[in-house]
Amino acid sequence: EYGLQLIGGFVPLVMHRADGRDDVIREAHEAARTLVAGGGRHFVSAVVSSHEAWERPAIDAAGWDAVFEHLAVVDEICGEHGLVQVVHPHVNTLIETADEFQRFLDNSHVRFCLDTGHLFIGGADTVAIAEQFHDRVGLVHIKDVRPEVAARMKAGELTLMTATVAGLFPAAGAG
């Protein structure tokens, strides 16, 4: 009635555990079916440490290998369902910081969501990323950030939710 259409959906997946492959496959198929049923085109993967609490444990080389292997598997699943997978660098996920994002770029062929707010909070140069990796951008989220609120969150003074309520992401053009 209003001409709205589902573009995609945010799908948190635990990918850093090699023994979690069956869960990743099952959850990815379930999410893909739901997205397709709603007319979605993008499967927005968020690499989380657990579904219960988005903490940021140190990930060793084997954990990163598992992440990249699982991203490739999810990409195949998305292809089977006619979806495009995009990895979403996001606060409190395992791909948050500029270094983690670069590691992802260096070790995976999967497209990504150019989220200007989350990349900025993670310390990345969003303009340089857009210029250098424009061919890998699968989706864009435009967000402004209030640096003073982001600093309080990074210092542990605020959680992502309390920072958001405190104005972490103001209207575009206001941050």
N, C-alpha and C. Protein backbone atom coordinates (compact mmCIF):
# COMPACT_ATOMS: atom_id res chain seq x y z
N GLU A 1 0.82 -1.20 0.00
CA GLU A 1 0.00 0.00 0.00
C GLU A 1 0.86 1.26 0.00
N TYR A 2 1.98 1.24 0.74
CA TYR A 2 2.84 2.42 0.84
C TYR A 2 4.08 2.35 -0.04
N GLY A 3 4.21 1.31 -0.83
CA GLY A 3 5.35 1.17 -1.72
C GLY A 3 6.64 0.80 -1.02
N LEU A 4 6.54 0.25 0.19
CA LEU A 4 7.74 -0.15 0.93
C LEU A 4 8.12 -1.57 0.56
N GLN A 5 9.42 -1.83 0.61
CA GLN A 5 9.90 -3.17 0.29
C GLN A 5 11.04 -3.51 1.24
N LEU A 6 11.08 -4.76 1.67
CA LEU A 6 12.17 -5.25 2.51
C LEU A 6 13.46 -5.29 1.69
N ILE A 7 14.50 -4.68 2.20
CA ILE A 7 15.79 -4.71 1.52
C ILE A 7 16.60 -5.90 2.01
N GLY A 8 16.61 -6.12 3.31
CA GLY A 8 17.39 -7.21 3.86
C GLY A 8 17.15 -7.32 5.35
N GLY A 9 17.93 -8.16 5.99
CA GLY A 9 17.80 -8.36 7.42
C GLY A 9 19.14 -8.60 8.08
N PHE A 10 19.25 -8.13 9.30
CA PHE A 10 20.43 -8.25 10.14
C PHE A 10 20.41 -9.64 10.77
N VAL A 11 21.47 -10.44 10.53
CA VAL A 11 21.51 -11.82 11.00
C VAL A 11 22.77 -12.04 11.84
N PRO A 12 22.64 -12.02 13.18
CA PRO A 12 23.81 -12.32 14.02
C PRO A 12 24.11 -13.82 14.00
N LEU A 13 25.37 -14.15 13.73
CA LEU A 13 25.80 -15.54 13.68
C LEU A 13 27.10 -15.72 14.46
N VAL A 14 27.21 -16.82 15.19
CA VAL A 14 28.43 -17.17 15.92
C VAL A 14 29.30 -17.96 14.95
N MET A 15 30.38 -17.32 14.48
CA MET A 15 31.19 -17.94 13.42
C MET A 15 32.62 -18.24 13.83
N HIS A 16 33.05 -17.87 15.02
CA HIS A 16 34.45 -18.01 15.39
C HIS A 16 34.78 -19.38 16.00
N ARG A 17 33.80 -20.25 16.08
CA ARG A 17 34.04 -21.57 16.63
C ARG A 17 33.98 -22.61 15.52
N ALA A 18 35.07 -23.32 15.31
CA ALA A 18 35.13 -24.33 14.25
C ALA A 18 34.06 -25.41 14.45
N ASP A 19 33.72 -25.71 15.70
CA ASP A 19 32.73 -26.75 15.98
C ASP A 19 31.29 -26.24 15.84
N GLY A 20 31.12 -25.00 15.42
CA GLY A 20 29.78 -24.43 15.27
C GLY A 20 29.24 -24.44 13.86
N ARG A 21 29.91 -25.14 12.96
CA ARG A 21 29.52 -25.14 11.54
C ARG A 21 28.06 -25.55 11.32
N ASP A 22 27.62 -26.62 11.97
CA ASP A 22 26.24 -27.08 11.77
C ASP A 22 25.24 -26.02 12.21
N ASP A 23 25.51 -25.35 13.32
CA ASP A 23 24.62 -24.28 13.79
C ASP A 23 24.59 -23.12 12.81
N VAL A 24 25.76 -22.74 12.30
CA VAL A 24 25.82 -21.63 11.33
C VAL A 24 25.00 -21.99 10.09
N ILE A 25 25.17 -23.19 9.60
CA ILE A 25 24.44 -23.62 8.40
C ILE A 25 22.93 -23.61 8.65
N ARG A 26 22.51 -24.19 9.76
CA ARG A 26 21.08 -24.25 10.09
C ARG A 26 20.50 -22.84 10.23
N GLU A 27 21.17 -21.99 11.01
CA GLU A 27 20.68 -20.64 11.26
C GLU A 27 20.68 -19.80 9.98
N ALA A 28 21.68 -19.98 9.14
CA ALA A 28 21.75 -19.22 7.89
C ALA A 28 20.61 -19.62 6.95
N HIS A 29 20.33 -20.91 6.84
CA HIS A 29 19.21 -21.35 6.00
C HIS A 29 17.88 -20.81 6.53
N GLU A 30 17.69 -20.88 7.85
CA GLU A 30 16.44 -20.37 8.44
C GLU A 30 16.26 -18.88 8.16
N ALA A 31 17.32 -18.10 8.38
CA ALA A 31 17.25 -16.66 8.15
C ALA A 31 17.04 -16.36 6.66
N ALA A 32 17.73 -17.09 5.80
CA ALA A 32 17.60 -16.86 4.36
C ALA A 32 16.17 -17.13 3.90
N ARG A 33 15.58 -18.20 4.38
CA ARG A 33 14.19 -18.51 4.01
C ARG A 33 13.25 -17.39 4.45
N THR A 34 13.46 -16.89 5.65
CA THR A 34 12.62 -15.80 6.17
C THR A 34 12.79 -14.54 5.33
N LEU A 35 14.03 -14.20 5.01
CA LEU A 35 14.28 -12.99 4.21
C LEU A 35 13.66 -13.10 2.83
N VAL A 36 13.82 -14.25 2.19
CA VAL A 36 13.24 -14.45 0.85
C VAL A 36 11.72 -14.37 0.92
N ALA A 37 11.13 -14.98 1.94
CA ALA A 37 9.67 -14.95 2.07
C ALA A 37 9.15 -13.51 2.20
N GLY A 38 9.97 -12.65 2.79
CA GLY A 38 9.58 -11.24 2.95
C GLY A 38 9.98 -10.36 1.78
N GLY A 39 10.60 -10.94 0.76
CA GLY A 39 11.00 -10.17 -0.40
C GLY A 39 12.37 -9.52 -0.28
N GLY A 40 13.14 -9.92 0.72
CA GLY A 40 14.47 -9.33 0.93
C GLY A 40 15.48 -9.76 -0.11
N ARG A 41 16.52 -8.97 -0.23
CA ARG A 41 17.60 -9.26 -1.18
C ARG A 41 18.97 -9.38 -0.50
N HIS A 42 19.11 -8.81 0.70
CA HIS A 42 20.42 -8.78 1.38
C HIS A 42 20.36 -9.51 2.72
N PHE A 43 21.34 -10.36 2.91
CA PHE A 43 21.54 -11.11 4.15
C PHE A 43 22.68 -10.39 4.86
N VAL A 44 22.37 -9.66 5.91
CA VAL A 44 23.34 -8.79 6.58
C VAL A 44 23.94 -9.55 7.77
N SER A 45 25.11 -10.15 7.56
CA SER A 45 25.76 -10.97 8.59
C SER A 45 26.48 -10.11 9.62
N ALA A 46 26.25 -10.43 10.87
CA ALA A 46 26.99 -9.82 11.98
C ALA A 46 27.69 -10.96 12.72
N VAL A 47 29.00 -10.88 12.83
CA VAL A 47 29.78 -11.94 13.47
C VAL A 47 29.82 -11.66 14.97
N VAL A 48 29.01 -12.41 15.72
CA VAL A 48 28.89 -12.18 17.17
C VAL A 48 29.56 -13.31 17.95
N SER A 49 29.89 -13.02 19.20
CA SER A 49 30.54 -14.03 20.04
C SER A 49 29.56 -15.05 20.58
N SER A 50 28.32 -14.63 20.80
CA SER A 50 27.25 -15.52 21.25
C SER A 50 25.92 -14.82 20.97
N HIS A 51 24.85 -15.59 21.02
CA HIS A 51 23.54 -14.98 20.82
C HIS A 51 23.03 -14.34 22.11
N GLU A 52 23.58 -14.75 23.23
CA GLU A 52 23.11 -14.24 24.52
C GLU A 52 23.71 -12.89 24.88
N ALA A 53 24.99 -12.72 24.64
CA ALA A 53 25.67 -11.48 25.02
C ALA A 53 26.74 -11.18 23.98
N TRP A 54 26.69 -9.99 23.45
CA TRP A 54 27.66 -9.61 22.43
C TRP A 54 28.91 -9.08 23.11
N GLU A 55 29.76 -10.00 23.50
CA GLU A 55 31.03 -9.63 24.11
C GLU A 55 32.11 -9.74 23.06
N ARG A 56 33.29 -9.25 23.40
CA ARG A 56 34.39 -9.25 22.43
C ARG A 56 35.60 -10.01 22.97
N PRO A 57 35.51 -11.35 23.00
CA PRO A 57 36.67 -12.11 23.47
C PRO A 57 37.80 -12.03 22.45
N ALA A 58 39.01 -12.27 22.92
CA ALA A 58 40.16 -12.34 21.99
C ALA A 58 39.97 -13.56 21.11
N ILE A 59 40.18 -13.39 19.81
CA ILE A 59 40.03 -14.48 18.86
C ILE A 59 41.42 -14.87 18.36
N ASP A 60 41.74 -16.15 18.46
CA ASP A 60 43.04 -16.62 17.98
C ASP A 60 42.98 -16.91 16.48
N ALA A 61 44.09 -17.32 15.90
CA ALA A 61 44.17 -17.57 14.46
C ALA A 61 43.15 -18.61 14.01
N ALA A 62 42.97 -19.66 14.81
CA ALA A 62 42.00 -20.71 14.46
C ALA A 62 40.58 -20.14 14.47
N GLY A 63 40.30 -19.25 15.39
CA GLY A 63 38.99 -18.62 15.44
C GLY A 63 38.73 -17.76 14.22
N TRP A 64 39.76 -17.01 13.79
CA TRP A 64 39.61 -16.20 12.58
C TRP A 64 39.45 -17.08 11.35
N ASP A 65 40.19 -18.18 11.30
CA ASP A 65 40.03 -19.12 10.18
C ASP A 65 38.58 -19.61 10.12
N ALA A 66 38.02 -19.92 11.28
CA ALA A 66 36.62 -20.39 11.33
C ALA A 66 35.67 -19.30 10.83
N VAL A 67 35.92 -18.06 11.23
CA VAL A 67 35.08 -16.95 10.77
C VAL A 67 35.07 -16.90 9.25
N PHE A 68 36.25 -16.95 8.63
CA PHE A 68 36.32 -16.82 7.18
C PHE A 68 35.74 -18.04 6.46
N GLU A 69 35.94 -19.22 7.04
CA GLU A 69 35.33 -20.42 6.46
C GLU A 69 33.81 -20.34 6.54
N HIS A 70 33.30 -19.90 7.68
CA HIS A 70 31.85 -19.80 7.84
C HIS A 70 31.26 -18.71 6.96
N LEU A 71 31.97 -17.61 6.80
CA LEU A 71 31.47 -16.57 5.89
C LEU A 71 31.33 -17.11 4.47
N ALA A 72 32.28 -17.94 4.04
CA ALA A 72 32.22 -18.53 2.70
C ALA A 72 31.03 -19.48 2.60
N VAL A 73 30.78 -20.27 3.64
CA VAL A 73 29.64 -21.19 3.64
C VAL A 73 28.33 -20.40 3.59
N VAL A 74 28.23 -19.36 4.39
CA VAL A 74 27.02 -18.54 4.40
C VAL A 74 26.83 -17.87 3.04
N ASP A 75 27.92 -17.48 2.40
CA ASP A 75 27.82 -16.87 1.07
C ASP A 75 27.22 -17.87 0.07
N GLU A 76 27.62 -19.13 0.16
CA GLU A 76 27.04 -20.17 -0.71
C GLU A 76 25.55 -20.34 -0.42
N ILE A 77 25.20 -20.36 0.85
CA ILE A 77 23.79 -20.50 1.24
C ILE A 77 22.98 -19.32 0.70
N CYS A 78 23.53 -18.13 0.83
CA CYS A 78 22.83 -16.95 0.31
C CYS A 78 22.62 -17.08 -1.19
N GLY A 79 23.64 -17.53 -1.90
CA GLY A 79 23.52 -17.73 -3.35
C GLY A 79 22.42 -18.71 -3.69
N GLU A 80 22.31 -19.79 -2.92
CA GLU A 80 21.25 -20.79 -3.14
C GLU A 80 19.87 -20.17 -3.00
N HIS A 81 19.75 -19.15 -2.15
CA HIS A 81 18.46 -18.51 -1.88
C HIS A 81 18.27 -17.22 -2.69
N GLY A 82 19.23 -16.89 -3.53
CA GLY A 82 19.12 -15.68 -4.33
C GLY A 82 19.37 -14.39 -3.55
N LEU A 83 20.12 -14.50 -2.47
CA LEU A 83 20.44 -13.34 -1.63
C LEU A 83 21.90 -12.94 -1.79
N VAL A 84 22.19 -11.70 -1.45
CA VAL A 84 23.56 -11.20 -1.42
C VAL A 84 23.94 -11.05 0.06
N GLN A 85 25.01 -11.72 0.46
CA GLN A 85 25.50 -11.57 1.83
C GLN A 85 26.36 -10.31 1.91
N VAL A 86 26.13 -9.52 2.96
CA VAL A 86 27.01 -8.40 3.27
C VAL A 86 27.38 -8.51 4.75
N VAL A 87 28.65 -8.38 5.05
CA VAL A 87 29.12 -8.42 6.43
C VAL A 87 28.98 -7.02 7.02
N HIS A 88 28.40 -6.96 8.20
CA HIS A 88 28.16 -5.67 8.85
C HIS A 88 29.16 -5.46 9.97
N PRO A 89 30.18 -4.59 9.76
CA PRO A 89 31.04 -4.23 10.88
C PRO A 89 30.18 -3.45 11.87
N HIS A 90 30.23 -3.82 13.14
CA HIS A 90 29.26 -3.28 14.10
C HIS A 90 29.86 -3.28 15.49
N VAL A 91 29.52 -2.29 16.27
CA VAL A 91 29.94 -2.22 17.67
C VAL A 91 29.51 -3.51 18.38
N ASN A 92 30.38 -4.03 19.21
CA ASN A 92 30.16 -5.23 20.03
C ASN A 92 30.09 -6.52 19.23
N THR A 93 30.56 -6.50 17.98
CA THR A 93 30.70 -7.74 17.23
C THR A 93 32.19 -8.04 17.10
N LEU A 94 32.52 -9.13 16.46
CA LEU A 94 33.92 -9.51 16.32
C LEU A 94 34.60 -8.81 15.15
N ILE A 95 33.81 -8.08 14.36
CA ILE A 95 34.37 -7.22 13.32
C ILE A 95 33.90 -5.81 13.63
N GLU A 96 34.62 -5.19 14.55
CA GLU A 96 34.27 -3.84 15.02
C GLU A 96 35.38 -2.84 14.72
N THR A 97 36.61 -3.18 15.06
CA THR A 97 37.71 -2.22 14.95
C THR A 97 38.23 -2.14 13.52
N ALA A 98 38.97 -1.09 13.25
CA ALA A 98 39.57 -0.92 11.92
C ALA A 98 40.47 -2.11 11.58
N ASP A 99 41.23 -2.61 12.55
CA ASP A 99 42.11 -3.77 12.31
C ASP A 99 41.30 -5.03 11.98
N GLU A 100 40.21 -5.25 12.72
CA GLU A 100 39.37 -6.42 12.46
C GLU A 100 38.71 -6.31 11.09
N PHE A 101 38.27 -5.11 10.75
CA PHE A 101 37.65 -4.90 9.44
C PHE A 101 38.67 -5.15 8.32
N GLN A 102 39.90 -4.67 8.51
CA GLN A 102 40.93 -4.90 7.51
C GLN A 102 41.24 -6.38 7.38
N ARG A 103 41.26 -7.08 8.51
CA ARG A 103 41.49 -8.52 8.48
C ARG A 103 40.40 -9.22 7.65
N PHE A 104 39.16 -8.78 7.86
CA PHE A 104 38.06 -9.31 7.06
C PHE A 104 38.29 -9.04 5.58
N LEU A 105 38.62 -7.81 5.22
CA LEU A 105 38.84 -7.45 3.82
C LEU A 105 39.96 -8.29 3.20
N ASP A 106 41.00 -8.54 3.97
CA ASP A 106 42.16 -9.28 3.47
C ASP A 106 41.92 -10.78 3.32
N ASN A 107 40.94 -11.31 4.04
CA ASN A 107 40.78 -12.77 4.10
C ASN A 107 39.44 -13.31 3.62
N SER A 108 38.60 -12.44 3.11
CA SER A 108 37.29 -12.88 2.64
C SER A 108 36.93 -12.11 1.38
N HIS A 109 36.17 -12.74 0.51
CA HIS A 109 35.70 -12.08 -0.70
C HIS A 109 34.29 -11.52 -0.53
N VAL A 110 33.66 -11.75 0.62
CA VAL A 110 32.27 -11.36 0.85
C VAL A 110 32.15 -9.83 0.83
N ARG A 111 31.05 -9.36 0.29
CA ARG A 111 30.76 -7.92 0.28
C ARG A 111 30.51 -7.46 1.72
N PHE A 112 30.47 -6.15 1.91
CA PHE A 112 30.22 -5.62 3.25
C PHE A 112 29.23 -4.47 3.20
N CYS A 113 28.70 -4.20 4.38
CA CYS A 113 27.82 -3.06 4.57
C CYS A 113 28.71 -1.88 4.98
N LEU A 114 28.70 -0.85 4.18
CA LEU A 114 29.45 0.36 4.50
C LEU A 114 28.60 1.16 5.48
N ASP A 115 28.79 0.87 6.76
CA ASP A 115 28.05 1.57 7.82
C ASP A 115 28.96 2.67 8.35
N THR A 116 28.68 3.89 7.96
CA THR A 116 29.56 5.01 8.28
C THR A 116 29.71 5.22 9.77
N GLY A 117 28.66 4.99 10.53
CA GLY A 117 28.72 5.19 11.98
C GLY A 117 29.54 4.13 12.69
N HIS A 118 29.25 2.88 12.42
CA HIS A 118 29.96 1.80 13.12
C HIS A 118 31.42 1.73 12.69
N LEU A 119 31.70 1.97 11.43
CA LEU A 119 33.10 1.99 10.99
C LEU A 119 33.86 3.13 11.66
N PHE A 120 33.24 4.30 11.75
CA PHE A 120 33.87 5.45 12.41
C PHE A 120 34.17 5.13 13.88
N ILE A 121 33.19 4.56 14.57
CA ILE A 121 33.39 4.21 15.98
C ILE A 121 34.53 3.20 16.12
N GLY A 122 34.66 2.29 15.17
CA GLY A 122 35.72 1.29 15.21
C GLY A 122 37.09 1.84 14.82
N GLY A 123 37.14 3.12 14.43
CA GLY A 123 38.43 3.74 14.11
C GLY A 123 38.81 3.70 12.65
N ALA A 124 37.90 3.31 11.78
CA ALA A 124 38.20 3.21 10.35
C ALA A 124 37.92 4.55 9.66
N ASP A 125 38.59 4.75 8.55
CA ASP A 125 38.38 5.92 7.70
C ASP A 125 37.35 5.54 6.65
N THR A 126 36.11 5.94 6.86
CA THR A 126 35.02 5.50 6.00
C THR A 126 35.17 6.01 4.56
N VAL A 127 35.69 7.21 4.39
CA VAL A 127 35.88 7.75 3.04
C VAL A 127 36.92 6.93 2.29
N ALA A 128 38.04 6.64 2.95
CA ALA A 128 39.09 5.83 2.32
C ALA A 128 38.58 4.43 1.98
N ILE A 129 37.78 3.86 2.87
CA ILE A 129 37.22 2.53 2.61
C ILE A 129 36.31 2.58 1.39
N ALA A 130 35.45 3.58 1.33
CA ALA A 130 34.52 3.71 0.19
C ALA A 130 35.29 3.88 -1.11
N GLU A 131 36.35 4.66 -1.08
CA GLU A 131 37.14 4.88 -2.29
C GLU A 131 37.91 3.62 -2.70
N GLN A 132 38.53 2.97 -1.74
CA GLN A 132 39.40 1.84 -2.05
C GLN A 132 38.64 0.54 -2.31
N PHE A 133 37.51 0.35 -1.63
CA PHE A 133 36.81 -0.94 -1.70
C PHE A 133 35.38 -0.80 -2.22
N HIS A 134 35.13 0.21 -3.04
CA HIS A 134 33.78 0.46 -3.55
C HIS A 134 33.18 -0.75 -4.26
N ASP A 135 34.02 -1.57 -4.86
CA ASP A 135 33.53 -2.74 -5.57
C ASP A 135 33.05 -3.84 -4.63
N ARG A 136 33.35 -3.73 -3.34
CA ARG A 136 32.90 -4.74 -2.36
C ARG A 136 31.73 -4.25 -1.52
N VAL A 137 31.32 -3.00 -1.71
CA VAL A 137 30.19 -2.46 -0.94
C VAL A 137 28.90 -3.08 -1.49
N GLY A 138 28.17 -3.75 -0.62
CA GLY A 138 26.92 -4.37 -1.02
C GLY A 138 25.70 -3.64 -0.50
N LEU A 139 25.89 -2.82 0.51
CA LEU A 139 24.80 -2.10 1.15
C LEU A 139 25.42 -0.93 1.89
N VAL A 140 24.68 0.15 2.05
CA VAL A 140 25.20 1.32 2.76
C VAL A 140 24.23 1.72 3.86
N HIS A 141 24.76 1.96 5.05
CA HIS A 141 24.02 2.56 6.16
C HIS A 141 24.67 3.90 6.46
N ILE A 142 23.97 4.97 6.23
CA ILE A 142 24.50 6.31 6.52
C ILE A 142 24.12 6.67 7.96
N LYS A 143 25.13 6.91 8.77
CA LYS A 143 24.92 7.31 10.15
C LYS A 143 25.92 8.38 10.51
N ASP A 144 25.48 9.36 11.24
CA ASP A 144 26.41 10.29 11.88
C ASP A 144 26.63 9.80 13.30
N VAL A 145 27.71 10.26 13.90
CA VAL A 145 28.09 9.86 15.26
C VAL A 145 28.44 11.10 16.05
N ARG A 146 28.04 11.10 17.30
CA ARG A 146 28.50 12.14 18.22
C ARG A 146 29.76 11.58 18.90
N PRO A 147 30.95 12.11 18.52
CA PRO A 147 32.20 11.56 19.02
C PRO A 147 32.30 11.55 20.55
N GLU A 148 31.73 12.55 21.21
CA GLU A 148 31.82 12.59 22.68
C GLU A 148 31.03 11.45 23.31
N VAL A 149 29.90 11.07 22.73
CA VAL A 149 29.12 9.94 23.24
C VAL A 149 29.85 8.63 22.91
N ALA A 150 30.42 8.55 21.70
CA ALA A 150 31.18 7.35 21.32
C ALA A 150 32.37 7.15 22.26
N ALA A 151 33.03 8.22 22.63
CA ALA A 151 34.17 8.12 23.55
C ALA A 151 33.73 7.57 24.90
N ARG A 152 32.59 8.01 25.39
CA ARG A 152 32.07 7.50 26.67
C ARG A 152 31.74 6.00 26.57
N MET A 153 31.21 5.60 25.42
CA MET A 153 30.89 4.18 25.22
C MET A 153 32.18 3.36 25.15
N LYS A 154 33.16 3.84 24.40
CA LYS A 154 34.42 3.11 24.28
C LYS A 154 35.15 3.00 25.61
N ALA A 155 34.95 3.99 26.48
CA ALA A 155 35.57 3.97 27.80
C ALA A 155 34.84 3.05 28.77
N GLY A 156 33.71 2.47 28.33
CA GLY A 156 32.96 1.57 29.19
C GLY A 156 31.95 2.27 30.08
N GLU A 157 31.82 3.57 29.91
CA GLU A 157 30.89 4.36 30.72
C GLU A 157 29.45 4.12 30.30
N LEU A 158 29.25 3.82 28.99
CA LEU A 158 27.92 3.56 28.44
C LEU A 158 27.94 2.27 27.64
N THR A 159 26.81 1.57 27.63
CA THR A 159 26.65 0.42 26.73
C THR A 159 26.20 0.96 25.38
N LEU A 160 26.16 0.10 24.38
CA LEU A 160 25.67 0.54 23.07
C LEU A 160 24.25 1.09 23.19
N MET A 161 23.40 0.42 23.95
CA MET A 161 22.01 0.87 24.08
C MET A 161 21.91 2.20 24.82
N THR A 162 22.65 2.34 25.93
CA THR A 162 22.56 3.61 26.65
C THR A 162 23.21 4.73 25.86
N ALA A 163 24.24 4.42 25.08
CA ALA A 163 24.86 5.42 24.23
C ALA A 163 23.90 5.85 23.12
N THR A 164 23.18 4.90 22.57
CA THR A 164 22.21 5.22 21.53
C THR A 164 21.13 6.14 22.08
N VAL A 165 20.63 5.83 23.27
CA VAL A 165 19.62 6.68 23.91
C VAL A 165 20.21 8.07 24.21
N ALA A 166 21.51 8.13 24.51
CA ALA A 166 22.17 9.41 24.81
C ALA A 166 22.53 10.19 23.55
N GLY A 167 22.13 9.69 22.38
CA GLY A 167 22.35 10.43 21.15
C GLY A 167 23.58 10.05 20.35
N LEU A 168 24.05 8.82 20.51
CA LEU A 168 25.22 8.35 19.77
C LEU A 168 25.06 8.57 18.27
N PHE A 169 23.90 8.25 17.75
CA PHE A 169 23.64 8.35 16.31
C PHE A 169 22.61 9.45 16.06
N PRO A 170 23.06 10.70 15.91
CA PRO A 170 22.11 11.79 15.62
C PRO A 170 21.63 11.73 14.16
N ALA A 171 20.70 12.57 13.84
CA ALA A 171 20.22 12.64 12.45
C ALA A 171 21.39 12.96 11.52
N ALA A 172 21.33 12.42 10.31
CA ALA A 172 22.39 12.66 9.33
C ALA A 172 22.63 14.17 9.17
N GLY A 173 23.90 14.55 9.26
CA GLY A 173 24.28 15.95 9.15
C GLY A 173 24.45 16.63 10.49
N ALA A 174 24.09 15.94 11.58
CA ALA A 174 24.14 16.56 12.90
C ALA A 174 25.28 15.98 13.76
N GLY A 175 26.11 15.12 13.20
CA GLY A 175 27.17 14.51 14.00
C GLY A 175 28.53 14.76 13.42
